[in-house]
Amino acid sequence: MVEFGIGLGIAIIGCGIAIMGSALAQGMAASAAVGATAENPEAFGKNVVFAVLPETQAIYALLIAILMMVGMGLI
């Protein structure tokens, strides 16, 4: 049986929180962009950019989570 320390558990929880927070922010931004497009279809291009911008935060959160897991020896 493999024993994991408290530090490893905290790192895993941190990875999950980082990815969850960025995913929630991305969802809120995308839903606001869709609502704005429904009200003004001519602003579709700008709204797509506003929906895509939070994706970079999600990619950074995923990268940080992977680096933390590699650093802790999980991957």
PDB file of N, CA and C in Angstrom:
ATOM      1  N   MET A   1       0.852  -1.182   0.000  1.00  0.00           N
ATOM      2  CA  MET A   1       0.000   0.000   0.000  1.00  0.00           C
ATOM      3  C   MET A   1       0.898   1.245   0.000  1.00  0.00           C
ATOM      4  N   VAL A   2       0.565   2.197  -0.839  1.00  0.00           N
ATOM      5  CA  VAL A   2       1.357   3.414  -0.971  1.00  0.00           C
ATOM      6  C   VAL A   2       0.789   4.478  -0.036  1.00  0.00           C
ATOM      7  N   GLU A   3       1.655   5.103   0.727  1.00  0.00           N
ATOM      8  CA  GLU A   3       1.241   6.167   1.648  1.00  0.00           C
ATOM      9  C   GLU A   3       1.552   7.522   1.033  1.00  0.00           C
ATOM     10  N   PHE A   4       0.597   8.395   1.049  1.00  0.00           N
ATOM     11  CA  PHE A   4       0.775   9.750   0.531  1.00  0.00           C
ATOM     12  C   PHE A   4       0.781  10.721   1.704  1.00  0.00           C
ATOM     13  N   GLY A   5       1.635  11.720   1.617  1.00  0.00           N
ATOM     14  CA  GLY A   5       1.733  12.701   2.678  1.00  0.00           C
ATOM     15  C   GLY A   5       0.697  13.803   2.537  1.00  0.00           C
ATOM     16  N   ILE A   6       0.622  14.640   3.561  1.00  0.00           N
ATOM     17  CA  ILE A   6      -0.328  15.754   3.565  1.00  0.00           C
ATOM     18  C   ILE A   6       0.028  16.774   2.494  1.00  0.00           C
ATOM     19  N   GLY A   7       1.312  16.943   2.221  1.00  0.00           N
ATOM     20  CA  GLY A   7       1.731  17.890   1.188  1.00  0.00           C
ATOM     21  C   GLY A   7       1.245  17.487  -0.180  1.00  0.00           C
ATOM     22  N   LEU A   8       1.265  16.200  -0.458  1.00  0.00           N
ATOM     23  CA  LEU A   8       0.779  15.702  -1.749  1.00  0.00           C
ATOM     24  C   LEU A   8      -0.727  15.935  -1.882  1.00  0.00           C
ATOM     25  N   GLY A   9      -1.448  15.698  -0.802  1.00  0.00           N
ATOM     26  CA  GLY A   9      -2.888  15.939  -0.835  1.00  0.00           C
ATOM     27  C   GLY A   9      -3.229  17.400  -1.061  1.00  0.00           C
ATOM     28  N   ILE A  10      -2.485  18.288  -0.412  1.00  0.00           N
ATOM     29  CA  ILE A  10      -2.712  19.725  -0.587  1.00  0.00           C
ATOM     30  C   ILE A  10      -2.381  20.146  -2.014  1.00  0.00           C
ATOM     31  N   ALA A  11      -1.325  19.568  -2.589  1.00  0.00           N
ATOM     32  CA  ALA A  11      -0.964  19.893  -3.977  1.00  0.00           C
ATOM     33  C   ALA A  11      -2.052  19.443  -4.945  1.00  0.00           C
ATOM     34  N   ILE A  12      -2.614  18.275  -4.716  1.00  0.00           N
ATOM     35  CA  ILE A  12      -3.684  17.769  -5.588  1.00  0.00           C
ATOM     36  C   ILE A  12      -4.921  18.650  -5.473  1.00  0.00           C
ATOM     37  N   ILE A  13      -5.269  19.038  -4.262  1.00  0.00           N
ATOM     38  CA  ILE A  13      -6.419  19.930  -4.080  1.00  0.00           C
ATOM     39  C   ILE A  13      -6.162  21.275  -4.755  1.00  0.00           C
ATOM     40  N   GLY A  14      -4.934  21.787  -4.661  1.00  0.00           N
ATOM     41  CA  GLY A  14      -4.579  23.042  -5.327  1.00  0.00           C
ATOM     42  C   GLY A  14      -4.720  22.950  -6.836  1.00  0.00           C
ATOM     43  N   CYS A  15      -4.310  21.820  -7.403  1.00  0.00           N
ATOM     44  CA  CYS A  15      -4.458  21.612  -8.853  1.00  0.00           C
ATOM     45  C   CYS A  15      -5.934  21.643  -9.250  1.00  0.00           C
ATOM     46  N   GLY A  16      -6.747  20.960  -8.485  1.00  0.00           N
ATOM     47  CA  GLY A  16      -8.174  20.931  -8.790  1.00  0.00           C
ATOM     48  C   GLY A  16      -8.828  22.290  -8.673  1.00  0.00           C
ATOM     49  N   ILE A  17      -8.461  23.050  -7.648  1.00  0.00           N
ATOM     50  CA  ILE A  17      -9.036  24.382  -7.463  1.00  0.00           C
ATOM     51  C   ILE A  17      -8.606  25.324  -8.577  1.00  0.00           C
ATOM     52  N   ALA A  18      -7.344  25.228  -9.005  1.00  0.00           N
ATOM     53  CA  ALA A  18      -6.857  26.096 -10.078  1.00  0.00           C
ATOM     54  C   ALA A  18      -7.607  25.837 -11.379  1.00  0.00           C
ATOM     55  N   ILE A  19      -7.796  24.579 -11.716  1.00  0.00           N
ATOM     56  CA  ILE A  19      -8.480  24.247 -12.959  1.00  0.00           C
ATOM     57  C   ILE A  19      -9.964  24.568 -12.852  1.00  0.00           C
ATOM     58  N   MET A  20     -10.575  24.297 -11.700  1.00  0.00           N
ATOM     59  CA  MET A  20     -12.000  24.579 -11.529  1.00  0.00           C
ATOM     60  C   MET A  20     -12.286  26.077 -11.610  1.00  0.00           C
ATOM     61  N   GLY A  21     -11.450  26.877 -10.966  1.00  0.00           N
ATOM     62  CA  GLY A  21     -11.660  28.328 -10.988  1.00  0.00           C
ATOM     63  C   GLY A  21     -11.559  28.905 -12.383  1.00  0.00           C
ATOM     64  N   SER A  22     -10.587  28.442 -13.150  1.00  0.00           N
ATOM     65  CA  SER A  22     -10.443  28.963 -14.507  1.00  0.00           C
ATOM     66  C   SER A  22     -11.584  28.484 -15.402  1.00  0.00           C
ATOM     67  N   ALA A  23     -12.060  27.268 -15.176  1.00  0.00           N
ATOM     68  CA  ALA A  23     -13.171  26.760 -15.976  1.00  0.00           C
ATOM     69  C   ALA A  23     -14.460  27.535 -15.682  1.00  0.00           C
ATOM     70  N   LEU A  24     -14.687  27.855 -14.424  1.00  0.00           N
ATOM     71  CA  LEU A  24     -15.880  28.635 -14.073  1.00  0.00           C
ATOM     72  C   LEU A  24     -15.816  30.043 -14.678  1.00  0.00           C
ATOM     73  N   ALA A  25     -14.649  30.660 -14.620  1.00  0.00           N
ATOM     74  CA  ALA A  25     -14.498  31.997 -15.200  1.00  0.00           C
ATOM     75  C   ALA A  25     -14.694  31.954 -16.711  1.00  0.00           C
ATOM     76  N   GLN A  26     -14.186  30.922 -17.341  1.00  0.00           N
ATOM     77  CA  GLN A  26     -14.354  30.790 -18.792  1.00  0.00           C
ATOM     78  C   GLN A  26     -15.828  30.605 -19.152  1.00  0.00           C
ATOM     79  N   GLY A  27     -16.535  29.818 -18.370  1.00  0.00           N
ATOM     80  CA  GLY A  27     -17.955  29.607 -18.628  1.00  0.00           C
ATOM     81  C   GLY A  27     -18.770  30.876 -18.462  1.00  0.00           C
ATOM     82  N   MET A  28     -18.460  31.669 -17.448  1.00  0.00           N
ATOM     83  CA  MET A  28     -19.189  32.921 -17.242  1.00  0.00           C
ATOM     84  C   MET A  28     -18.926  33.915 -18.377  1.00  0.00           C
ATOM     85  N   ALA A  29     -17.671  33.994 -18.814  1.00  0.00           N
ATOM     86  CA  ALA A  29     -17.338  34.915 -19.901  1.00  0.00           C
ATOM     87  C   ALA A  29     -17.993  34.476 -21.203  1.00  0.00           C
ATOM     88  N   ALA A  30     -17.998  33.181 -21.465  1.00  0.00           N
ATOM     89  CA  ALA A  30     -18.613  32.689 -22.698  1.00  0.00           C
ATOM     90  C   ALA A  30     -20.129  32.894 -22.686  1.00  0.00           C
ATOM     91  N   SER A  31     -20.764  32.679 -21.533  1.00  0.00           N
ATOM     92  CA  SER A  31     -22.212  32.878 -21.480  1.00  0.00           C
ATOM     93  C   SER A  31     -22.572  34.352 -21.637  1.00  0.00           C
ATOM     94  N   ALA A  32     -21.748  35.246 -21.109  1.00  0.00           N
ATOM     95  CA  ALA A  32     -21.996  36.677 -21.296  1.00  0.00           C
ATOM     96  C   ALA A  32     -21.816  37.071 -22.765  1.00  0.00           C
ATOM     97  N   ALA A  33     -20.830  36.485 -23.425  1.00  0.00           N
ATOM     98  CA  ALA A  33     -20.612  36.783 -24.840  1.00  0.00           C
ATOM     99  C   ALA A  33     -21.765  36.276 -25.700  1.00  0.00           C
ATOM    100  N   VAL A  34     -22.290  35.106 -25.361  1.00  0.00           N
ATOM    101  CA  VAL A  34     -23.431  34.570 -26.114  1.00  0.00           C
ATOM    102  C   VAL A  34     -24.660  35.444 -25.905  1.00  0.00           C
ATOM    103  N   GLY A  35     -24.871  35.894 -24.677  1.00  0.00           N
ATOM    104  CA  GLY A  35     -26.011  36.780 -24.413  1.00  0.00           C
ATOM    105  C   GLY A  35     -25.888  38.105 -25.135  1.00  0.00           C
ATOM    106  N   ALA A  36     -24.676  38.650 -25.189  1.00  0.00           N
ATOM    107  CA  ALA A  36     -24.470  39.915 -25.899  1.00  0.00           C
ATOM    108  C   ALA A  36     -24.654  39.727 -27.407  1.00  0.00           C
ATOM    109  N   THR A  37     -24.252  38.581 -27.929  1.00  0.00           N
ATOM    110  CA  THR A  37     -24.434  38.305 -29.354  1.00  0.00           C
ATOM    111  C   THR A  37     -25.919  38.151 -29.685  1.00  0.00           C
ATOM    112  N   ALA A  38     -26.683  37.589 -28.766  1.00  0.00           N
ATOM    113  CA  ALA A  38     -28.119  37.446 -28.991  1.00  0.00           C
ATOM    114  C   ALA A  38     -28.798  38.810 -29.067  1.00  0.00           C
ATOM    115  N   GLU A  39     -28.309  39.774 -28.293  1.00  0.00           N
ATOM    116  CA  GLU A  39     -28.887  41.107 -28.320  1.00  0.00           C
ATOM    117  C   GLU A  39     -28.409  41.925 -29.509  1.00  0.00           C
ATOM    118  N   ASN A  40     -27.158  41.734 -29.921  1.00  0.00           N
ATOM    119  CA  ASN A  40     -26.589  42.512 -31.026  1.00  0.00           C
ATOM    120  C   ASN A  40     -25.754  41.579 -31.910  1.00  0.00           C
ATOM    121  N   PRO A  41     -26.371  40.968 -32.925  1.00  0.00           N
ATOM    122  CA  PRO A  41     -25.641  40.013 -33.776  1.00  0.00           C
ATOM    123  C   PRO A  41     -24.483  40.638 -34.559  1.00  0.00           C
ATOM    124  N   GLU A  42     -24.476  41.962 -34.723  1.00  0.00           N
ATOM    125  CA  GLU A  42     -23.403  42.606 -35.477  1.00  0.00           C
ATOM    126  C   GLU A  42     -22.075  42.601 -34.713  1.00  0.00           C
ATOM    127  N   ALA A  43     -22.107  42.402 -33.411  1.00  0.00           N
ATOM    128  CA  ALA A  43     -20.898  42.414 -32.592  1.00  0.00           C
ATOM    129  C   ALA A  43     -20.359  41.003 -32.358  1.00  0.00           C
ATOM    130  N   PHE A  44     -20.652  40.091 -33.268  1.00  0.00           N
ATOM    131  CA  PHE A  44     -20.258  38.688 -33.093  1.00  0.00           C
ATOM    132  C   PHE A  44     -18.747  38.524 -32.979  1.00  0.00           C
ATOM    133  N   GLY A  45     -17.985  39.191 -33.830  1.00  0.00           N
ATOM    134  CA  GLY A  45     -16.528  39.058 -33.827  1.00  0.00           C
ATOM    135  C   GLY A  45     -15.900  39.484 -32.513  1.00  0.00           C
ATOM    136  N   LYS A  46     -16.345  40.618 -31.983  1.00  0.00           N
ATOM    137  CA  LYS A  46     -15.819  41.093 -30.697  1.00  0.00           C
ATOM    138  C   LYS A  46     -16.192  40.136 -29.569  1.00  0.00           C
ATOM    139  N   ASN A  47     -17.406  39.635 -29.620  1.00  0.00           N
ATOM    140  CA  ASN A  47     -17.865  38.746 -28.560  1.00  0.00           C
ATOM    141  C   ASN A  47     -17.132  37.404 -28.591  1.00  0.00           C
ATOM    142  N   VAL A  48     -16.747  36.944 -29.763  1.00  0.00           N
ATOM    143  CA  VAL A  48     -15.973  35.706 -29.836  1.00  0.00           C
ATOM    144  C   VAL A  48     -14.613  35.909 -29.172  1.00  0.00           C
ATOM    145  N   VAL A  49     -14.010  37.065 -29.392  1.00  0.00           N
ATOM    146  CA  VAL A  49     -12.718  37.364 -28.756  1.00  0.00           C
ATOM    147  C   VAL A  49     -12.886  37.391 -27.242  1.00  0.00           C
ATOM    148  N   PHE A  50     -13.953  37.998 -26.752  1.00  0.00           N
ATOM    149  CA  PHE A  50     -14.185  38.050 -25.315  1.00  0.00           C
ATOM    150  C   PHE A  50     -14.449  36.659 -24.736  1.00  0.00           C
ATOM    151  N   ALA A  51     -15.015  35.774 -25.532  1.00  0.00           N
ATOM    152  CA  ALA A  51     -15.261  34.417 -25.055  1.00  0.00           C
ATOM    153  C   ALA A  51     -13.987  33.579 -25.058  1.00  0.00           C
ATOM    154  N   VAL A  52     -13.048  33.900 -25.944  1.00  0.00           N
ATOM    155  CA  VAL A  52     -11.826  33.105 -26.081  1.00  0.00           C
ATOM    156  C   VAL A  52     -10.732  33.555 -25.111  1.00  0.00           C
ATOM    157  N   LEU A  53     -10.727  34.802 -24.695  1.00  0.00           N
ATOM    158  CA  LEU A  53      -9.665  35.308 -23.825  1.00  0.00           C
ATOM    159  C   LEU A  53      -9.487  34.510 -22.528  1.00  0.00           C
ATOM    160  N   PRO A  54     -10.539  34.116 -21.832  1.00  0.00           N
ATOM    161  CA  PRO A  54     -10.322  33.330 -20.603  1.00  0.00           C
ATOM    162  C   PRO A  54      -9.726  31.943 -20.858  1.00  0.00           C
ATOM    163  N   GLU A  55      -9.728  31.489 -22.108  1.00  0.00           N
ATOM    164  CA  GLU A  55      -9.138  30.187 -22.416  1.00  0.00           C
ATOM    165  C   GLU A  55      -7.651  30.167 -22.075  1.00  0.00           C
ATOM    166  N   THR A  56      -6.969  31.311 -22.218  1.00  0.00           N
ATOM    167  CA  THR A  56      -5.548  31.346 -21.884  1.00  0.00           C
ATOM    168  C   THR A  56      -5.338  31.081 -20.396  1.00  0.00           C
ATOM    169  N   GLN A  57      -6.233  31.577 -19.552  1.00  0.00           N
ATOM    170  CA  GLN A  57      -6.115  31.306 -18.120  1.00  0.00           C
ATOM    171  C   GLN A  57      -6.314  29.827 -17.828  1.00  0.00           C
ATOM    172  N   ALA A  58      -7.227  29.189 -18.557  1.00  0.00           N
ATOM    173  CA  ALA A  58      -7.449  27.760 -18.367  1.00  0.00           C
ATOM    174  C   ALA A  58      -6.220  26.962 -18.790  1.00  0.00           C
ATOM    175  N   ILE A  59      -5.569  27.371 -19.872  1.00  0.00           N
ATOM    176  CA  ILE A  59      -4.356  26.686 -20.323  1.00  0.00           C
ATOM    177  C   ILE A  59      -3.240  26.867 -19.296  1.00  0.00           C
ATOM    178  N   TYR A  60      -3.090  28.076 -18.753  1.00  0.00           N
ATOM    179  CA  TYR A  60      -2.074  28.311 -17.728  1.00  0.00           C
ATOM    180  C   TYR A  60      -2.357  27.481 -16.482  1.00  0.00           C
ATOM    181  N   ALA A  61      -3.614  27.388 -16.069  1.00  0.00           N
ATOM    182  CA  ALA A  61      -3.968  26.588 -14.885  1.00  0.00           C
ATOM    183  C   ALA A  61      -3.662  25.119 -15.128  1.00  0.00           C
ATOM    184  N   LEU A  62      -3.947  24.624 -16.325  1.00  0.00           N
ATOM    185  CA  LEU A  62      -3.640  23.237 -16.641  1.00  0.00           C
ATOM    186  C   LEU A  62      -2.134  23.007 -16.626  1.00  0.00           C
ATOM    187  N   LEU A  63      -1.367  23.926 -17.180  1.00  0.00           N
ATOM    188  CA  LEU A  63       0.088  23.811 -17.190  1.00  0.00           C
ATOM    189  C   LEU A  63       0.646  23.805 -15.762  1.00  0.00           C
ATOM    190  N   ILE A  64       0.139  24.691 -14.918  1.00  0.00           N
ATOM    191  CA  ILE A  64       0.593  24.740 -13.527  1.00  0.00           C
ATOM    192  C   ILE A  64       0.230  23.448 -12.800  1.00  0.00           C
ATOM    193  N   ALA A  65      -0.972  22.926 -13.048  1.00  0.00           N
ATOM    194  CA  ALA A  65      -1.377  21.671 -12.411  1.00  0.00           C
ATOM    195  C   ALA A  65      -0.476  20.521 -12.849  1.00  0.00           C
ATOM    196  N   ILE A  66      -0.147  20.466 -14.126  1.00  0.00           N
ATOM    197  CA  ILE A  66       0.742  19.403 -14.609  1.00  0.00           C
ATOM    198  C   ILE A  66       2.128  19.544 -13.992  1.00  0.00           C
ATOM    199  N   LEU A  67       2.646  20.776 -13.940  1.00  0.00           N
ATOM    200  CA  LEU A  67       3.967  20.987 -13.335  1.00  0.00           C
ATOM    201  C   LEU A  67       3.982  20.617 -11.856  1.00  0.00           C
ATOM    202  N   MET A  68       2.884  20.922 -11.152  1.00  0.00           N
ATOM    203  CA  MET A  68       2.818  20.567  -9.733  1.00  0.00           C
ATOM    204  C   MET A  68       2.786  19.050  -9.563  1.00  0.00           C
ATOM    205  N   MET A  69       2.042  18.356 -10.422  1.00  0.00           N
ATOM    206  CA  MET A  69       1.966  16.910 -10.316  1.00  0.00           C
ATOM    207  C   MET A  69       3.296  16.249 -10.671  1.00  0.00           C
ATOM    208  N   VAL A  70       4.003  16.802 -11.655  1.00  0.00           N
ATOM    209  CA  VAL A  70       5.327  16.267 -11.985  1.00  0.00           C
ATOM    210  C   VAL A  70       6.283  16.529 -10.832  1.00  0.00           C
ATOM    211  N   GLY A  71       6.230  17.706 -10.252  1.00  0.00           N
ATOM    212  CA  GLY A  71       7.097  18.032  -9.130  1.00  0.00           C
ATOM    213  C   GLY A  71       6.863  17.169  -7.907  1.00  0.00           C
ATOM    214  N   MET A  72       5.622  16.748  -7.706  1.00  0.00           N
ATOM    215  CA  MET A  72       5.305  15.909  -6.550  1.00  0.00           C
ATOM    216  C   MET A  72       5.475  14.418  -6.844  1.00  0.00           C
ATOM    217  N   GLY A  73       5.809  14.087  -8.088  1.00  0.00           N
ATOM    218  CA  GLY A  73       6.048  12.694  -8.446  1.00  0.00           C
ATOM    219  C   GLY A  73       4.811  11.902  -8.792  1.00  0.00           C
ATOM    220  N   LEU A  74       3.726  12.567  -9.154  1.00  0.00           N
ATOM    221  CA  LEU A  74       2.510  11.847  -9.526  1.00  0.00           C
ATOM    222  C   LEU A  74       2.507  11.412 -10.985  1.00  0.00           C
ATOM    223  N   ILE A  75       3.202  12.165 -11.818  1.00  0.00           N
ATOM    224  CA  ILE A  75       3.243  11.839 -13.256  1.00  0.00           C
ATOM    225  C   ILE A  75       4.657  11.461 -13.604  1.00  0.00           C
TER     226      ILE A  75
END
